[in-house]
């Protein structure tokens, strides 16, 4: 079971980095990661930094879990 936990944690790190990239890079791949598009009624360029904050939180928690 420890191996599955490690895999899930690494996927969390990758997703967090993907969210961080959506704040800076604009292409088809990163647009698929945007959380503001999924949860906000009117997403725009002004809501794009929300992905940066959530990405830092997800990646940070995953790295913390991996090191713990």
N, C-alpha and C. Protein backbone atom coordinates (compact mmCIF):
# COMPACT_ATOMS: atom_id res chain seq x y z
N UNK A 1 0.82 -1.19 0.00
CA UNK A 1 0.00 0.00 0.00
C UNK A 1 0.87 1.26 0.00
N UNK A 2 2.05 1.16 0.51
CA UNK A 2 2.95 2.32 0.56
C UNK A 2 3.30 2.77 -0.86
N UNK A 3 3.43 1.83 -1.79
CA UNK A 3 3.78 2.17 -3.16
C UNK A 3 2.65 2.98 -3.82
N UNK A 4 1.41 2.61 -3.58
CA UNK A 4 0.28 3.34 -4.13
C UNK A 4 0.22 4.76 -3.57
N UNK A 5 0.52 4.93 -2.29
CA UNK A 5 0.55 6.26 -1.69
C UNK A 5 1.60 7.15 -2.36
N UNK A 6 2.74 6.57 -2.66
CA UNK A 6 3.80 7.32 -3.32
C UNK A 6 3.37 7.75 -4.72
N UNK A 7 2.71 6.85 -5.43
CA UNK A 7 2.26 7.16 -6.79
C UNK A 7 1.23 8.29 -6.75
N UNK A 8 0.28 8.22 -5.84
CA UNK A 8 -0.74 9.26 -5.72
C UNK A 8 -0.11 10.60 -5.36
N UNK A 9 0.89 10.57 -4.50
CA UNK A 9 1.58 11.80 -4.10
C UNK A 9 2.34 12.41 -5.27
N UNK A 10 2.99 11.59 -6.06
CA UNK A 10 3.73 12.09 -7.22
C UNK A 10 2.76 12.67 -8.26
N UNK A 11 1.61 12.03 -8.44
CA UNK A 11 0.60 12.57 -9.35
C UNK A 11 0.10 13.92 -8.84
N UNK A 12 -0.03 14.07 -7.52
CA UNK A 12 -0.42 15.35 -6.94
C UNK A 12 0.61 16.44 -7.19
N UNK A 13 1.88 16.08 -7.12
CA UNK A 13 2.94 17.04 -7.41
C UNK A 13 2.88 17.47 -8.87
N UNK A 14 2.70 16.51 -9.76
CA UNK A 14 2.63 16.82 -11.20
C UNK A 14 1.42 17.70 -11.49
N UNK A 15 0.28 17.41 -10.87
CA UNK A 15 -0.91 18.22 -11.10
C UNK A 15 -0.72 19.63 -10.54
N UNK A 16 -0.08 19.74 -9.37
CA UNK A 16 0.20 21.06 -8.80
C UNK A 16 1.09 21.89 -9.70
N UNK A 17 2.11 21.26 -10.26
CA UNK A 17 3.00 21.96 -11.19
C UNK A 17 2.23 22.36 -12.45
N UNK A 18 1.34 21.49 -12.90
CA UNK A 18 0.50 21.83 -14.05
C UNK A 18 -0.38 23.03 -13.78
N UNK A 19 -0.94 23.10 -12.58
CA UNK A 19 -1.75 24.26 -12.22
C UNK A 19 -0.92 25.54 -12.15
N UNK A 20 0.29 25.42 -11.63
CA UNK A 20 1.18 26.58 -11.58
C UNK A 20 1.50 27.06 -13.00
N UNK A 21 1.71 26.12 -13.91
CA UNK A 21 2.01 26.50 -15.30
C UNK A 21 0.84 27.21 -15.97
N UNK A 22 -0.39 26.89 -15.57
CA UNK A 22 -1.54 27.55 -16.21
C UNK A 22 -1.57 29.04 -15.93
N UNK A 23 -0.92 29.47 -14.87
CA UNK A 23 -0.89 30.91 -14.58
C UNK A 23 0.04 31.66 -15.53
N UNK A 24 0.98 30.95 -16.14
CA UNK A 24 1.99 31.62 -16.96
C UNK A 24 1.97 31.22 -18.43
N UNK A 25 1.61 29.98 -18.72
CA UNK A 25 1.67 29.46 -20.09
C UNK A 25 0.25 29.28 -20.61
N UNK A 26 0.02 29.75 -21.82
CA UNK A 26 -1.32 29.63 -22.42
C UNK A 26 -1.25 28.77 -23.67
N UNK A 27 -1.67 27.50 -23.54
CA UNK A 27 -1.81 26.61 -24.69
C UNK A 27 -2.89 25.57 -24.38
N UNK A 28 -3.17 24.68 -25.32
CA UNK A 28 -4.25 23.72 -25.14
C UNK A 28 -4.01 22.80 -23.94
N UNK A 29 -2.78 22.40 -23.74
CA UNK A 29 -2.46 21.48 -22.65
C UNK A 29 -2.72 22.12 -21.28
N UNK A 30 -2.26 23.33 -21.08
CA UNK A 30 -2.44 23.96 -19.78
C UNK A 30 -3.87 24.46 -19.56
N UNK A 31 -4.58 24.77 -20.63
CA UNK A 31 -5.97 25.20 -20.48
C UNK A 31 -6.84 24.08 -19.91
N UNK A 32 -6.46 22.85 -20.16
CA UNK A 32 -7.22 21.70 -19.63
C UNK A 32 -7.08 21.58 -18.12
N UNK A 33 -6.03 22.14 -17.54
CA UNK A 33 -5.79 22.06 -16.10
C UNK A 33 -6.52 23.14 -15.30
N UNK A 34 -6.99 24.17 -15.94
CA UNK A 34 -7.53 25.35 -15.23
C UNK A 34 -8.72 24.99 -14.36
N UNK A 35 -8.61 25.27 -13.07
CA UNK A 35 -9.70 25.03 -12.14
C UNK A 35 -10.72 26.17 -12.15
N UNK A 36 -10.28 27.38 -12.44
CA UNK A 36 -11.22 28.50 -12.44
C UNK A 36 -12.27 28.34 -13.53
N UNK A 37 -11.92 27.69 -14.63
CA UNK A 37 -12.89 27.45 -15.69
C UNK A 37 -13.96 26.46 -15.24
N UNK A 38 -13.57 25.50 -14.43
CA UNK A 38 -14.51 24.48 -13.98
C UNK A 38 -15.46 24.98 -12.90
N UNK A 39 -15.02 25.89 -12.04
CA UNK A 39 -15.81 26.24 -10.86
C UNK A 39 -16.35 27.66 -10.84
N UNK A 40 -15.90 28.52 -11.70
CA UNK A 40 -16.38 29.90 -11.68
C UNK A 40 -17.34 30.14 -12.84
N UNK A 41 -18.39 30.92 -12.61
CA UNK A 41 -19.37 31.13 -13.68
C UNK A 41 -18.83 31.93 -14.86
N UNK A 42 -17.95 32.89 -14.62
CA UNK A 42 -17.40 33.72 -15.69
C UNK A 42 -15.87 33.77 -15.60
N UNK A 43 -15.19 32.71 -16.02
CA UNK A 43 -13.72 32.73 -15.93
C UNK A 43 -13.12 33.71 -16.93
N UNK A 44 -12.04 34.33 -16.52
CA UNK A 44 -11.37 35.29 -17.40
C UNK A 44 -9.89 35.31 -17.03
N UNK A 45 -9.17 36.24 -17.64
CA UNK A 45 -7.75 36.39 -17.32
C UNK A 45 -7.57 36.85 -15.88
N UNK A 46 -8.55 37.52 -15.32
CA UNK A 46 -8.46 37.99 -13.94
C UNK A 46 -8.56 36.84 -12.94
N UNK A 47 -9.20 35.75 -13.32
CA UNK A 47 -9.33 34.60 -12.40
C UNK A 47 -8.21 33.58 -12.59
N UNK A 48 -7.36 33.76 -13.59
CA UNK A 48 -6.26 32.83 -13.86
C UNK A 48 -5.28 32.70 -12.68
N UNK A 49 -4.95 33.75 -11.93
CA UNK A 49 -4.03 33.58 -10.79
C UNK A 49 -4.54 32.65 -9.69
N UNK A 50 -5.83 32.40 -9.67
CA UNK A 50 -6.37 31.44 -8.70
C UNK A 50 -5.73 30.06 -8.89
N UNK A 51 -5.42 29.70 -10.13
CA UNK A 51 -4.76 28.43 -10.40
C UNK A 51 -3.36 28.39 -9.80
N UNK A 52 -2.68 29.52 -9.79
CA UNK A 52 -1.35 29.60 -9.20
C UNK A 52 -1.41 29.30 -7.71
N UNK A 53 -2.35 29.92 -7.02
CA UNK A 53 -2.48 29.72 -5.58
C UNK A 53 -2.84 28.26 -5.26
N UNK A 54 -3.82 27.72 -5.97
CA UNK A 54 -4.23 26.34 -5.73
C UNK A 54 -3.11 25.37 -6.11
N UNK A 55 -2.39 25.66 -7.19
CA UNK A 55 -1.27 24.81 -7.60
C UNK A 55 -0.16 24.77 -6.57
N UNK A 56 0.15 25.92 -5.98
CA UNK A 56 1.17 25.96 -4.93
C UNK A 56 0.71 25.15 -3.72
N UNK A 57 -0.56 25.27 -3.37
CA UNK A 57 -1.08 24.50 -2.23
C UNK A 57 -1.05 23.00 -2.50
N UNK A 58 -1.48 22.57 -3.68
CA UNK A 58 -1.52 21.14 -4.01
C UNK A 58 -0.11 20.58 -4.09
N UNK A 59 0.77 21.25 -4.81
CA UNK A 59 2.15 20.77 -4.94
C UNK A 59 2.87 20.79 -3.59
N UNK A 60 2.66 21.85 -2.83
CA UNK A 60 3.31 21.95 -1.52
C UNK A 60 2.86 20.86 -0.57
N UNK A 61 1.56 20.60 -0.53
CA UNK A 61 1.06 19.54 0.36
C UNK A 61 1.55 18.17 -0.11
N UNK A 62 1.62 17.96 -1.41
CA UNK A 62 2.10 16.67 -1.92
C UNK A 62 3.58 16.47 -1.61
N UNK A 63 4.37 17.52 -1.76
CA UNK A 63 5.79 17.41 -1.42
C UNK A 63 5.95 17.18 0.08
N UNK A 64 5.17 17.86 0.88
CA UNK A 64 5.21 17.65 2.32
C UNK A 64 4.85 16.21 2.67
N UNK A 65 3.83 15.67 2.02
CA UNK A 65 3.42 14.29 2.28
C UNK A 65 4.47 13.30 1.85
N UNK A 66 5.16 13.61 0.76
CA UNK A 66 6.21 12.72 0.28
C UNK A 66 7.40 12.69 1.23
N UNK A 67 7.73 13.83 1.81
CA UNK A 67 8.89 13.92 2.69
C UNK A 67 8.60 13.46 4.12
N UNK A 68 7.34 13.45 4.48
CA UNK A 68 6.94 13.10 5.84
C UNK A 68 7.09 11.63 6.14
